[in-house]
C-alpha cells in the first residue's frame, strides 16, 4: 500500500495543474476496471498454467472467481475461487484458491466439499491430517476440509504490489498459486479417489 508520503506526492502532483488533475481523476474513475482486467488476465494465466500441468482428460478447472469479477467486479468476490477437480469426482471436491472477503481479499488455498458429502468424517480428518503433515498446517470447518491463508501481499489482491506482480512478475506470481494447488492435489487425490469409488 502507498505510504502517506507517497499519497501526498501523488495528490500534490494531481493538484499542480488542470491537466494533471484530469489525468488523476480519470485514473481514479478507471481504477476498478484496471484492477478487474489485471485480475482476470492473471486468472487466465493461472488456468493455462494449471491446464499445462494436469492431465486434461482427467481434470477440469472451475473458475467462478473470474466469472463473477467479469460480470460484477471484484466487490462480489466473496467465497469465489479458481479450482481444479477430477472429472470422476463430479465436482464434489474442489482444490484451489478462493477469497473469503469481497474486494478480492483474504485468499486461501483449500480443499472444499461441494454439494454433497463424499468423505466420511474420519476420512475428512485423515485428509486434513495428511495435509498438515505433508504440506503445511491448516484449518478445517464448514465446507472446507482444509484451508490455509496465503502470506504477505498474496493474501489480498487489492494492493498495488500484487497487482503489479500479476503483470510484471506474472510467471512467478502464477507459480506461487499454482504450485500449492498441484502439491495438495497430489497428496489428497488417492484418498478422494478411494472415497468416490466406494460411495
N, C-alpha and C. Protein backbone atom coordinates (compact mmCIF):
# COMPACT_ATOMS: atom_id res chain seq x y z
N UNK A 1 0.83 -1.18 0.00
CA UNK A 1 0.00 0.00 0.00
C UNK A 1 0.88 1.25 0.00
N UNK A 2 0.35 2.29 -0.58
CA UNK A 2 1.09 3.54 -0.66
C UNK A 2 1.23 4.16 0.73
N UNK A 3 2.41 4.69 1.01
CA UNK A 3 2.64 5.37 2.29
C UNK A 3 1.98 6.75 2.25
N UNK A 4 1.88 7.38 3.40
CA UNK A 4 1.30 8.73 3.46
C UNK A 4 2.11 9.70 2.60
N UNK A 5 3.43 9.54 2.64
CA UNK A 5 4.31 10.42 1.86
C UNK A 5 4.06 10.22 0.36
N UNK A 6 3.92 8.96 -0.07
CA UNK A 6 3.65 8.70 -1.49
C UNK A 6 2.30 9.28 -1.90
N UNK A 7 1.30 9.13 -1.04
CA UNK A 7 -0.02 9.68 -1.35
C UNK A 7 0.05 11.20 -1.45
N UNK A 8 0.79 11.82 -0.54
CA UNK A 8 0.94 13.29 -0.58
C UNK A 8 1.59 13.73 -1.89
N UNK A 9 2.62 13.02 -2.34
CA UNK A 9 3.30 13.36 -3.60
C UNK A 9 2.32 13.25 -4.76
N UNK A 10 1.51 12.19 -4.77
CA UNK A 10 0.53 11.98 -5.85
C UNK A 10 -0.51 13.09 -5.84
N UNK A 11 -1.03 13.41 -4.65
CA UNK A 11 -2.05 14.46 -4.54
C UNK A 11 -1.47 15.81 -4.97
N UNK A 12 -0.26 16.11 -4.50
CA UNK A 12 0.38 17.38 -4.89
C UNK A 12 0.55 17.45 -6.41
N UNK A 13 0.98 16.35 -7.00
CA UNK A 13 1.17 16.30 -8.46
C UNK A 13 -0.17 16.51 -9.17
N UNK A 14 -1.22 15.83 -8.68
CA UNK A 14 -2.54 15.94 -9.32
C UNK A 14 -3.08 17.37 -9.24
N UNK A 15 -2.82 18.04 -8.14
CA UNK A 15 -3.37 19.38 -7.95
C UNK A 15 -2.47 20.48 -8.52
N UNK A 16 -1.38 20.09 -9.14
CA UNK A 16 -0.42 21.05 -9.70
C UNK A 16 -1.03 21.88 -10.83
N UNK A 17 -1.81 21.22 -11.70
CA UNK A 17 -2.45 21.95 -12.79
C UNK A 17 -3.66 21.17 -13.28
N UNK A 18 -4.44 21.78 -14.15
CA UNK A 18 -5.68 21.17 -14.63
C UNK A 18 -5.42 19.86 -15.36
N UNK A 19 -4.41 19.82 -16.20
CA UNK A 19 -4.10 18.60 -16.97
C UNK A 19 -3.80 17.43 -16.03
N UNK A 20 -2.93 17.65 -15.04
CA UNK A 20 -2.59 16.59 -14.08
C UNK A 20 -3.83 16.12 -13.31
N UNK A 21 -4.68 17.07 -12.94
CA UNK A 21 -5.89 16.72 -12.20
C UNK A 21 -6.84 15.90 -13.06
N UNK A 22 -7.00 16.27 -14.32
CA UNK A 22 -7.86 15.50 -15.23
C UNK A 22 -7.37 14.06 -15.36
N UNK A 23 -6.05 13.90 -15.53
CA UNK A 23 -5.48 12.54 -15.64
C UNK A 23 -5.71 11.76 -14.35
N UNK A 24 -5.43 12.38 -13.21
CA UNK A 24 -5.59 11.69 -11.92
C UNK A 24 -7.03 11.26 -11.70
N UNK A 25 -7.98 12.14 -12.01
CA UNK A 25 -9.39 11.81 -11.82
C UNK A 25 -9.83 10.68 -12.75
N UNK A 26 -9.36 10.71 -13.99
CA UNK A 26 -9.71 9.64 -14.94
C UNK A 26 -9.11 8.30 -14.49
N UNK A 27 -7.89 8.33 -13.96
CA UNK A 27 -7.29 7.09 -13.44
C UNK A 27 -8.10 6.59 -12.26
N UNK A 28 -8.51 7.51 -11.37
CA UNK A 28 -9.32 7.12 -10.23
C UNK A 28 -10.64 6.48 -10.66
N UNK A 29 -11.27 7.08 -11.65
CA UNK A 29 -12.53 6.55 -12.16
C UNK A 29 -12.32 5.16 -12.79
N UNK A 30 -11.19 4.97 -13.45
CA UNK A 30 -10.92 3.72 -14.17
C UNK A 30 -10.28 2.64 -13.29
N UNK A 31 -9.98 2.97 -12.03
CA UNK A 31 -9.20 2.04 -11.21
C UNK A 31 -9.85 0.66 -11.07
N UNK A 32 -11.15 0.61 -10.81
CA UNK A 32 -11.81 -0.70 -10.67
C UNK A 32 -11.71 -1.50 -11.96
N UNK A 33 -11.82 -0.84 -13.11
CA UNK A 33 -11.69 -1.54 -14.39
C UNK A 33 -10.26 -2.01 -14.62
N UNK A 34 -9.29 -1.20 -14.22
CA UNK A 34 -7.88 -1.59 -14.33
C UNK A 34 -7.64 -2.84 -13.48
N UNK A 35 -8.09 -2.81 -12.24
CA UNK A 35 -7.90 -3.95 -11.33
C UNK A 35 -8.63 -5.19 -11.85
N UNK A 36 -9.83 -5.00 -12.37
CA UNK A 36 -10.61 -6.11 -12.93
C UNK A 36 -9.85 -6.77 -14.07
N UNK A 37 -9.29 -5.96 -14.98
CA UNK A 37 -8.55 -6.50 -16.12
C UNK A 37 -7.30 -7.25 -15.65
N UNK A 38 -6.57 -6.67 -14.69
CA UNK A 38 -5.36 -7.32 -14.17
C UNK A 38 -5.71 -8.67 -13.57
N UNK A 39 -6.74 -8.72 -12.73
CA UNK A 39 -7.11 -9.96 -12.04
C UNK A 39 -7.63 -11.01 -13.02
N UNK A 40 -8.47 -10.63 -13.96
CA UNK A 40 -8.99 -11.63 -14.91
C UNK A 40 -7.89 -12.14 -15.85
N UNK A 41 -6.99 -11.25 -16.29
CA UNK A 41 -5.86 -11.71 -17.11
C UNK A 41 -4.97 -12.65 -16.32
N UNK A 42 -4.76 -12.33 -15.03
CA UNK A 42 -3.96 -13.20 -14.18
C UNK A 42 -4.62 -14.56 -14.01
N UNK A 43 -5.93 -14.58 -13.78
CA UNK A 43 -6.64 -15.85 -13.61
C UNK A 43 -6.60 -16.67 -14.90
N UNK A 44 -6.65 -16.02 -16.06
CA UNK A 44 -6.46 -16.73 -17.33
C UNK A 44 -5.10 -17.41 -17.35
N UNK A 45 -4.06 -16.68 -16.93
CA UNK A 45 -2.71 -17.24 -16.92
C UNK A 45 -2.60 -18.40 -15.94
N UNK A 46 -3.24 -18.27 -14.78
CA UNK A 46 -3.22 -19.36 -13.79
C UNK A 46 -3.94 -20.59 -14.34
N UNK A 47 -5.10 -20.38 -14.95
CA UNK A 47 -5.83 -21.51 -15.56
C UNK A 47 -4.96 -22.21 -16.62
N UNK A 48 -4.32 -21.42 -17.48
CA UNK A 48 -3.48 -22.00 -18.53
C UNK A 48 -2.32 -22.78 -17.94
N UNK A 49 -1.72 -22.26 -16.88
CA UNK A 49 -0.61 -22.95 -16.22
C UNK A 49 -1.09 -24.26 -15.59
N UNK A 50 -2.27 -24.24 -14.99
CA UNK A 50 -2.82 -25.47 -14.41
C UNK A 50 -3.14 -26.49 -15.51
N UNK A 51 -3.75 -26.02 -16.60
CA UNK A 51 -4.05 -26.93 -17.72
C UNK A 51 -2.78 -27.57 -18.26
N UNK A 52 -1.72 -26.80 -18.33
CA UNK A 52 -0.45 -27.32 -18.84
C UNK A 52 0.22 -28.30 -17.90
N UNK A 53 -0.22 -28.34 -16.65
CA UNK A 53 0.38 -29.23 -15.65
C UNK A 53 -0.49 -30.44 -15.32
N UNK A 54 -1.71 -30.47 -15.82
CA UNK A 54 -2.66 -31.53 -15.47
C UNK A 54 -2.97 -32.39 -16.69
N UNK A 55 -3.41 -33.61 -16.43
CA UNK A 55 -3.94 -34.46 -17.48
C UNK A 55 -5.38 -33.99 -17.73
N UNK A 56 -5.58 -33.28 -18.84
CA UNK A 56 -6.88 -32.66 -19.11
C UNK A 56 -7.98 -33.67 -19.45
N UNK A 57 -7.60 -34.91 -19.65
CA UNK A 57 -8.61 -35.97 -19.81
C UNK A 57 -9.25 -36.31 -18.47
N UNK A 58 -8.49 -36.08 -17.37
CA UNK A 58 -8.97 -36.46 -16.03
C UNK A 58 -9.40 -35.27 -15.18
N UNK A 59 -8.82 -34.10 -15.42
CA UNK A 59 -9.04 -32.94 -14.57
C UNK A 59 -9.77 -31.84 -15.31
N UNK A 60 -10.49 -31.02 -14.56
CA UNK A 60 -11.14 -29.85 -15.13
C UNK A 60 -10.91 -28.66 -14.20
N UNK A 61 -11.06 -27.47 -14.74
CA UNK A 61 -10.88 -26.25 -13.96
C UNK A 61 -12.22 -25.54 -13.85
N UNK A 62 -12.55 -25.13 -12.65
CA UNK A 62 -13.77 -24.34 -12.39
C UNK A 62 -13.31 -23.00 -11.83
N UNK A 63 -13.69 -21.92 -12.48
CA UNK A 63 -13.24 -20.60 -12.05
C UNK A 63 -14.43 -19.66 -11.93
N UNK A 64 -15.14 -19.74 -10.80
CA UNK A 64 -16.26 -18.82 -10.62
C UNK A 64 -15.80 -17.44 -10.12
N UNK A 65 -14.52 -17.33 -9.73
CA UNK A 65 -13.98 -16.03 -9.35
C UNK A 65 -13.85 -15.14 -10.58
N UNK A 66 -13.23 -15.65 -11.63
CA UNK A 66 -13.07 -14.87 -12.86
C UNK A 66 -14.44 -14.50 -13.43
N UNK A 67 -15.33 -15.45 -13.39
CA UNK A 67 -16.69 -15.23 -13.92
C UNK A 67 -17.39 -14.09 -13.20
N UNK A 68 -17.32 -14.07 -11.86
CA UNK A 68 -18.02 -13.02 -11.11
C UNK A 68 -17.30 -11.68 -11.23
N UNK A 69 -15.97 -11.69 -11.30
CA UNK A 69 -15.22 -10.43 -11.46
C UNK A 69 -15.56 -9.80 -12.80
N UNK A 70 -15.65 -10.62 -13.85
CA UNK A 70 -16.01 -10.10 -15.17
C UNK A 70 -17.42 -9.52 -15.18
N UNK A 71 -18.37 -10.20 -14.54
CA UNK A 71 -19.76 -9.77 -14.57
C UNK A 71 -20.04 -8.61 -13.62
N UNK A 72 -19.52 -8.71 -12.38
CA UNK A 72 -19.94 -7.78 -11.35
C UNK A 72 -18.81 -6.97 -10.73
N UNK A 73 -17.56 -7.28 -11.07
CA UNK A 73 -16.43 -6.59 -10.46
C UNK A 73 -15.92 -7.32 -9.23
N UNK A 74 -14.84 -6.80 -8.65
CA UNK A 74 -14.20 -7.50 -7.54
C UNK A 74 -14.99 -7.42 -6.24
N UNK A 75 -15.98 -6.54 -6.19
CA UNK A 75 -16.72 -6.37 -4.94
C UNK A 75 -17.73 -7.47 -4.70
N UNK A 76 -17.77 -8.47 -5.57
CA UNK A 76 -18.65 -9.63 -5.39
C UNK A 76 -17.84 -10.92 -5.31
N UNK A 77 -16.60 -10.83 -4.85
CA UNK A 77 -15.69 -11.98 -4.93
C UNK A 77 -15.73 -12.91 -3.72
N UNK A 78 -16.53 -12.60 -2.72
CA UNK A 78 -16.55 -13.44 -1.52
C UNK A 78 -16.99 -14.87 -1.85
N UNK A 79 -16.22 -15.83 -1.32
CA UNK A 79 -16.47 -17.26 -1.50
C UNK A 79 -16.43 -17.70 -2.95
N UNK A 80 -15.67 -17.01 -3.76
CA UNK A 80 -15.46 -17.39 -5.15
C UNK A 80 -14.00 -17.79 -5.30
N UNK A 81 -13.72 -18.68 -6.27
CA UNK A 81 -12.35 -19.13 -6.42
C UNK A 81 -12.05 -19.75 -7.76
N UNK A 82 -10.82 -20.19 -7.88
CA UNK A 82 -10.33 -20.91 -9.05
C UNK A 82 -9.89 -22.28 -8.55
N UNK A 83 -10.54 -23.32 -9.05
CA UNK A 83 -10.37 -24.67 -8.52
C UNK A 83 -10.04 -25.67 -9.62
N UNK A 84 -9.45 -26.78 -9.18
CA UNK A 84 -9.34 -27.94 -10.05
C UNK A 84 -10.14 -29.07 -9.39
N UNK A 85 -10.65 -29.96 -10.22
CA UNK A 85 -11.36 -31.13 -9.72
C UNK A 85 -11.23 -32.24 -10.75
N UNK A 86 -11.16 -33.46 -10.27
CA UNK A 86 -11.14 -34.58 -11.21
C UNK A 86 -12.54 -34.79 -11.76
N UNK A 87 -12.61 -35.13 -13.03
CA UNK A 87 -13.92 -35.32 -13.67
C UNK A 87 -14.72 -36.42 -12.98
N UNK A 88 -14.05 -37.48 -12.54
CA UNK A 88 -14.78 -38.58 -11.89
C UNK A 88 -15.30 -38.20 -10.51
N UNK A 89 -14.80 -37.11 -9.94
CA UNK A 89 -15.32 -36.63 -8.66
C UNK A 89 -16.64 -35.88 -8.86
N UNK A 90 -16.97 -35.55 -10.09
CA UNK A 90 -18.19 -34.82 -10.44
C UNK A 90 -18.35 -33.55 -9.60
N UNK A 91 -17.26 -32.84 -9.45
CA UNK A 91 -17.21 -31.55 -8.72
C UNK A 91 -17.62 -31.64 -7.26
N UNK A 92 -17.60 -32.83 -6.67
CA UNK A 92 -17.95 -32.95 -5.26
C UNK A 92 -16.83 -32.47 -4.35
N UNK A 93 -15.61 -32.45 -4.86
CA UNK A 93 -14.46 -31.98 -4.09
C UNK A 93 -13.64 -31.05 -4.99
N UNK A 94 -13.30 -29.87 -4.48
CA UNK A 94 -12.57 -28.87 -5.25
C UNK A 94 -11.27 -28.53 -4.53
N UNK A 95 -10.21 -28.34 -5.29
CA UNK A 95 -8.92 -27.94 -4.74
C UNK A 95 -8.54 -26.63 -5.43
N UNK A 96 -8.29 -25.58 -4.65
CA UNK A 96 -7.94 -24.33 -5.30
C UNK A 96 -7.74 -23.18 -4.36
N UNK A 97 -7.84 -21.98 -4.94
CA UNK A 97 -7.70 -20.75 -4.16
C UNK A 97 -9.04 -20.04 -4.17
N UNK A 98 -9.33 -19.37 -3.07
CA UNK A 98 -10.56 -18.60 -3.03
C UNK A 98 -10.43 -17.43 -2.07
N UNK A 99 -11.35 -16.49 -2.23
CA UNK A 99 -11.38 -15.27 -1.42
C UNK A 99 -12.53 -15.39 -0.42
N UNK A 100 -12.27 -15.05 0.84
CA UNK A 100 -13.37 -15.11 1.80
C UNK A 100 -13.97 -13.74 2.10
N UNK A 101 -13.53 -12.72 1.33
CA UNK A 101 -14.00 -11.36 1.56
C UNK A 101 -14.21 -10.67 0.22
N UNK A 102 -15.29 -9.92 0.07
CA UNK A 102 -15.46 -9.14 -1.15
C UNK A 102 -14.29 -8.18 -1.32
N UNK A 103 -14.02 -7.81 -2.55
CA UNK A 103 -12.88 -6.95 -2.83
C UNK A 103 -11.63 -7.75 -3.15
N UNK A 104 -11.80 -9.04 -3.41
CA UNK A 104 -10.67 -9.93 -3.73
C UNK A 104 -9.61 -9.87 -2.63
N UNK A 105 -10.06 -10.17 -1.41
CA UNK A 105 -9.17 -10.15 -0.25
C UNK A 105 -9.28 -11.46 0.52
N UNK A 106 -8.30 -11.68 1.39
CA UNK A 106 -8.25 -12.85 2.26
C UNK A 106 -8.27 -14.15 1.45
N UNK A 107 -7.31 -14.29 0.56
CA UNK A 107 -7.21 -15.50 -0.24
C UNK A 107 -6.57 -16.63 0.54
N UNK A 108 -7.08 -17.83 0.29
CA UNK A 108 -6.53 -19.02 0.92
C UNK A 108 -6.58 -20.19 -0.06
N UNK A 109 -5.74 -21.17 0.23
CA UNK A 109 -5.73 -22.43 -0.53
C UNK A 109 -6.69 -23.36 0.21
N UNK A 110 -7.44 -24.18 -0.55
CA UNK A 110 -8.41 -25.03 0.14
C UNK A 110 -8.67 -26.33 -0.61
N UNK A 111 -9.17 -27.26 0.18
CA UNK A 111 -9.86 -28.44 -0.35
C UNK A 111 -11.25 -28.29 0.22
N UNK A 112 -12.23 -28.16 -0.66
CA UNK A 112 -13.59 -27.91 -0.20
C UNK A 112 -14.52 -28.95 -0.76
N UNK A 113 -15.49 -29.33 0.07
CA UNK A 113 -16.55 -30.20 -0.43
C UNK A 113 -17.57 -29.31 -1.12
N UNK A 114 -18.16 -29.82 -2.15
CA UNK A 114 -19.09 -29.04 -2.94
C UNK A 114 -20.35 -29.87 -3.14
N UNK A 115 -21.46 -29.34 -2.77
CA UNK A 115 -22.77 -30.01 -2.91
C UNK A 115 -22.92 -31.15 -1.92
N UNK A 116 -22.47 -32.36 -2.27
CA UNK A 116 -22.73 -33.49 -1.37
C UNK A 116 -21.46 -33.97 -0.69
N UNK A 117 -21.66 -34.64 0.41
CA UNK A 117 -20.57 -35.19 1.22
C UNK A 117 -20.09 -36.50 0.59
N UNK A 118 -18.82 -36.56 0.23
CA UNK A 118 -18.31 -37.84 -0.29
C UNK A 118 -17.34 -38.50 0.68
N UNK A 119 -16.78 -37.69 1.59
CA UNK A 119 -15.85 -38.25 2.56
C UNK A 119 -16.56 -38.44 3.90
N UNK A 120 -16.35 -39.59 4.50
CA UNK A 120 -16.87 -39.82 5.85
C UNK A 120 -16.08 -38.92 6.81
N UNK A 121 -16.65 -38.62 7.98
CA UNK A 121 -15.94 -37.73 8.91
C UNK A 121 -14.50 -38.18 9.21
N UNK A 122 -14.29 -39.49 9.35
CA UNK A 122 -12.92 -39.96 9.62
C UNK A 122 -12.01 -39.71 8.42
N UNK A 123 -12.55 -39.85 7.20
CA UNK A 123 -11.75 -39.58 6.01
C UNK A 123 -11.44 -38.09 5.89
N UNK A 124 -12.39 -37.24 6.27
CA UNK A 124 -12.15 -35.80 6.25
C UNK A 124 -11.03 -35.44 7.22
N UNK A 125 -11.07 -36.04 8.41
CA UNK A 125 -10.00 -35.82 9.39
C UNK A 125 -8.66 -36.33 8.88
N UNK A 126 -8.69 -37.48 8.20
CA UNK A 126 -7.46 -38.03 7.63
C UNK A 126 -6.89 -37.10 6.58
N UNK A 127 -7.76 -36.52 5.76
CA UNK A 127 -7.32 -35.60 4.71
C UNK A 127 -6.62 -34.39 5.33
N UNK A 128 -7.23 -33.79 6.34
CA UNK A 128 -6.62 -32.63 6.99
C UNK A 128 -5.29 -33.01 7.63
N UNK A 129 -5.25 -34.12 8.36
CA UNK A 129 -4.00 -34.57 9.00
C UNK A 129 -2.91 -34.83 7.96
N UNK A 130 -3.30 -35.42 6.86
CA UNK A 130 -2.35 -35.70 5.78
C UNK A 130 -1.73 -34.40 5.27
N UNK A 131 -2.57 -33.40 5.03
CA UNK A 131 -2.06 -32.11 4.55
C UNK A 131 -1.26 -31.38 5.63
N UNK A 132 -1.71 -31.46 6.89
CA UNK A 132 -0.95 -30.85 7.97
C UNK A 132 0.47 -31.41 8.02
N UNK A 133 0.59 -32.72 7.80
CA UNK A 133 1.90 -33.38 7.89
C UNK A 133 2.72 -33.29 6.61
N UNK A 134 2.07 -33.39 5.45
CA UNK A 134 2.83 -33.45 4.20
C UNK A 134 2.88 -32.13 3.44
N UNK A 135 2.05 -31.17 3.83
CA UNK A 135 2.08 -29.86 3.18
C UNK A 135 2.37 -28.81 4.25
N UNK A 136 1.37 -28.19 4.78
CA UNK A 136 1.52 -27.18 5.83
C UNK A 136 0.31 -27.25 6.75
N UNK A 137 0.51 -26.91 8.01
CA UNK A 137 -0.59 -26.94 8.98
C UNK A 137 -1.68 -25.96 8.54
N UNK A 138 -2.91 -26.43 8.56
CA UNK A 138 -4.04 -25.61 8.16
C UNK A 138 -5.20 -25.77 9.11
N UNK A 139 -6.35 -25.33 8.68
CA UNK A 139 -7.58 -25.41 9.48
C UNK A 139 -8.64 -26.14 8.66
N UNK A 140 -9.78 -26.41 9.30
CA UNK A 140 -10.92 -27.00 8.59
C UNK A 140 -12.20 -26.52 9.26
N UNK A 141 -13.30 -26.64 8.53
CA UNK A 141 -14.59 -26.24 9.07
C UNK A 141 -15.54 -25.89 7.95
N UNK A 142 -16.84 -26.10 8.19
CA UNK A 142 -17.84 -25.83 7.17
C UNK A 142 -17.58 -26.66 5.93
N UNK A 143 -17.63 -26.05 4.76
CA UNK A 143 -17.40 -26.84 3.55
C UNK A 143 -15.91 -27.12 3.29
N UNK A 144 -15.03 -26.53 4.10
CA UNK A 144 -13.59 -26.67 3.86
C UNK A 144 -13.02 -27.84 4.64
N UNK A 145 -12.57 -28.84 3.92
CA UNK A 145 -11.91 -29.98 4.55
C UNK A 145 -10.51 -29.58 5.01
N UNK A 146 -9.96 -28.55 4.33
CA UNK A 146 -8.65 -28.00 4.68
C UNK A 146 -8.58 -26.60 4.08
N UNK A 147 -8.02 -25.66 4.82
CA UNK A 147 -7.73 -24.35 4.24
C UNK A 147 -6.56 -23.71 4.98
N UNK A 148 -5.85 -22.86 4.25
CA UNK A 148 -4.71 -22.14 4.81
C UNK A 148 -4.58 -20.82 4.07
N UNK A 149 -4.55 -19.72 4.82
CA UNK A 149 -4.44 -18.40 4.20
C UNK A 149 -3.05 -18.18 3.61
N UNK A 150 -3.01 -17.45 2.49
CA UNK A 150 -1.74 -17.08 1.89
C UNK A 150 -1.08 -15.99 2.72
N UNK A 151 0.23 -15.88 2.59
CA UNK A 151 1.01 -14.90 3.35
C UNK A 151 1.24 -13.63 2.55
N UNK A 152 1.54 -12.57 3.27
CA UNK A 152 2.02 -11.32 2.68
C UNK A 152 1.10 -10.73 1.63
N UNK A 153 1.72 -10.19 0.58
CA UNK A 153 0.95 -9.49 -0.46
C UNK A 153 0.02 -10.42 -1.22
N UNK A 154 0.26 -11.72 -1.16
CA UNK A 154 -0.55 -12.67 -1.93
C UNK A 154 -1.93 -12.90 -1.31
N UNK A 155 -2.11 -12.48 -0.09
CA UNK A 155 -3.40 -12.71 0.59
C UNK A 155 -4.49 -11.76 0.10
N UNK A 156 -4.13 -10.52 -0.17
CA UNK A 156 -5.11 -9.52 -0.58
C UNK A 156 -4.77 -8.99 -1.96
N UNK A 157 -5.70 -9.11 -2.90
CA UNK A 157 -5.46 -8.69 -4.28
C UNK A 157 -5.95 -7.26 -4.52
N UNK A 158 -6.01 -6.47 -3.48
CA UNK A 158 -6.44 -5.09 -3.65
C UNK A 158 -5.31 -4.12 -3.30
N UNK A 159 -4.06 -4.59 -3.37
CA UNK A 159 -2.94 -3.70 -3.11
C UNK A 159 -2.06 -3.61 -4.36
N UNK A 160 -1.37 -2.50 -4.48
CA UNK A 160 -0.62 -2.27 -5.72
C UNK A 160 0.51 -3.26 -5.93
N UNK A 161 1.11 -3.77 -4.85
CA UNK A 161 2.23 -4.72 -5.02
C UNK A 161 1.81 -5.97 -5.78
N UNK A 162 0.71 -6.59 -5.35
CA UNK A 162 0.27 -7.83 -6.01
C UNK A 162 -0.23 -7.53 -7.42
N UNK A 163 -0.92 -6.40 -7.60
CA UNK A 163 -1.42 -6.07 -8.94
C UNK A 163 -0.25 -5.84 -9.91
N UNK A 164 0.80 -5.20 -9.45
CA UNK A 164 1.99 -5.00 -10.29
C UNK A 164 2.66 -6.34 -10.58
N UNK A 165 2.79 -7.20 -9.55
CA UNK A 165 3.39 -8.52 -9.75
C UNK A 165 2.57 -9.38 -10.72
N UNK A 166 1.24 -9.23 -10.69
CA UNK A 166 0.39 -10.01 -11.59
C UNK A 166 0.67 -9.68 -13.05
N UNK A 167 1.23 -8.52 -13.32
CA UNK A 167 1.58 -8.14 -14.68
C UNK A 167 3.06 -8.33 -14.96
N UNK A 168 3.90 -7.74 -14.11
CA UNK A 168 5.32 -7.67 -14.42
C UNK A 168 6.15 -8.82 -13.85
N UNK A 169 5.55 -9.61 -12.96
CA UNK A 169 6.18 -10.84 -12.46
C UNK A 169 5.15 -11.96 -12.57
N UNK A 170 4.48 -11.99 -13.71
CA UNK A 170 3.34 -12.90 -13.88
C UNK A 170 3.72 -14.36 -13.68
N UNK A 171 4.81 -14.81 -14.30
CA UNK A 171 5.19 -16.22 -14.19
C UNK A 171 5.45 -16.61 -12.74
N UNK A 172 6.18 -15.76 -12.03
CA UNK A 172 6.49 -16.02 -10.62
C UNK A 172 5.23 -16.03 -9.76
N UNK A 173 4.33 -15.10 -10.03
CA UNK A 173 3.10 -15.00 -9.24
C UNK A 173 2.15 -16.16 -9.56
N UNK A 174 2.05 -16.53 -10.83
CA UNK A 174 1.25 -17.70 -11.21
C UNK A 174 1.79 -18.93 -10.50
N UNK A 175 3.09 -19.10 -10.51
CA UNK A 175 3.71 -20.25 -9.86
C UNK A 175 3.42 -20.28 -8.36
N UNK A 176 3.41 -19.11 -7.73
CA UNK A 176 3.13 -19.03 -6.29
C UNK A 176 1.78 -19.66 -5.96
N UNK A 177 0.78 -19.48 -6.82
CA UNK A 177 -0.55 -20.05 -6.58
C UNK A 177 -0.71 -21.44 -7.18
N UNK A 178 -0.10 -21.68 -8.32
CA UNK A 178 -0.24 -22.97 -9.00
C UNK A 178 0.39 -24.11 -8.20
N UNK A 179 1.61 -23.90 -7.71
CA UNK A 179 2.34 -24.99 -7.06
C UNK A 179 1.62 -25.58 -5.84
N UNK A 180 1.07 -24.76 -4.93
CA UNK A 180 0.35 -25.37 -3.81
C UNK A 180 -0.90 -26.14 -4.25
N UNK A 181 -1.59 -25.65 -5.28
CA UNK A 181 -2.76 -26.37 -5.78
C UNK A 181 -2.35 -27.76 -6.26
N UNK A 182 -1.29 -27.82 -7.06
CA UNK A 182 -0.83 -29.11 -7.60
C UNK A 182 -0.27 -30.01 -6.50
N UNK A 183 0.45 -29.42 -5.55
CA UNK A 183 1.02 -30.21 -4.44
C UNK A 183 -0.09 -30.84 -3.62
N UNK A 184 -1.09 -30.03 -3.26
CA UNK A 184 -2.21 -30.55 -2.47
C UNK A 184 -2.97 -31.61 -3.26
N UNK A 185 -3.18 -31.38 -4.54
CA UNK A 185 -3.89 -32.37 -5.37
C UNK A 185 -3.15 -33.71 -5.35
N UNK A 186 -1.84 -33.65 -5.48
CA UNK A 186 -1.04 -34.89 -5.48
C UNK A 186 -1.19 -35.63 -4.16
N UNK A 187 -1.24 -34.89 -3.06
CA UNK A 187 -1.33 -35.51 -1.73
C UNK A 187 -2.71 -36.13 -1.49
N UNK A 188 -3.78 -35.41 -1.84
CA UNK A 188 -5.13 -35.85 -1.44
C UNK A 188 -5.87 -36.69 -2.48
N UNK A 189 -5.39 -36.69 -3.72
CA UNK A 189 -6.12 -37.41 -4.77
C UNK A 189 -6.35 -38.89 -4.45
N UNK A 190 -5.35 -39.64 -3.97
CA UNK A 190 -5.63 -41.06 -3.67
C UNK A 190 -6.76 -41.24 -2.65
N UNK A 191 -6.79 -40.39 -1.63
CA UNK A 191 -7.83 -40.50 -0.60
C UNK A 191 -9.21 -40.18 -1.17
N UNK A 192 -9.29 -39.11 -1.97
CA UNK A 192 -10.59 -38.72 -2.54
C UNK A 192 -11.02 -39.75 -3.59
N UNK A 193 -10.09 -40.23 -4.41
CA UNK A 193 -10.42 -41.27 -5.41
C UNK A 193 -11.04 -42.49 -4.72
N UNK A 194 -10.43 -42.91 -3.64
CA UNK A 194 -10.93 -44.08 -2.91
C UNK A 194 -12.34 -43.83 -2.38
N UNK A 195 -12.57 -42.64 -1.82
CA UNK A 195 -13.89 -42.31 -1.28
C UNK A 195 -14.94 -42.26 -2.37
N UNK A 196 -14.58 -41.70 -3.52
CA UNK A 196 -15.53 -41.61 -4.65
C UNK A 196 -15.89 -43.00 -5.14
N UNK A 197 -14.90 -43.87 -5.27
CA UNK A 197 -15.15 -45.24 -5.76
C UNK A 197 -16.02 -46.03 -4.81
N UNK A 198 -15.90 -45.77 -3.50
CA UNK A 198 -16.67 -46.55 -2.54
C UNK A 198 -18.04 -45.93 -2.23
N UNK A 199 -18.31 -44.75 -2.78
CA UNK A 199 -19.63 -44.12 -2.49
C UNK A 199 -20.68 -44.56 -3.48
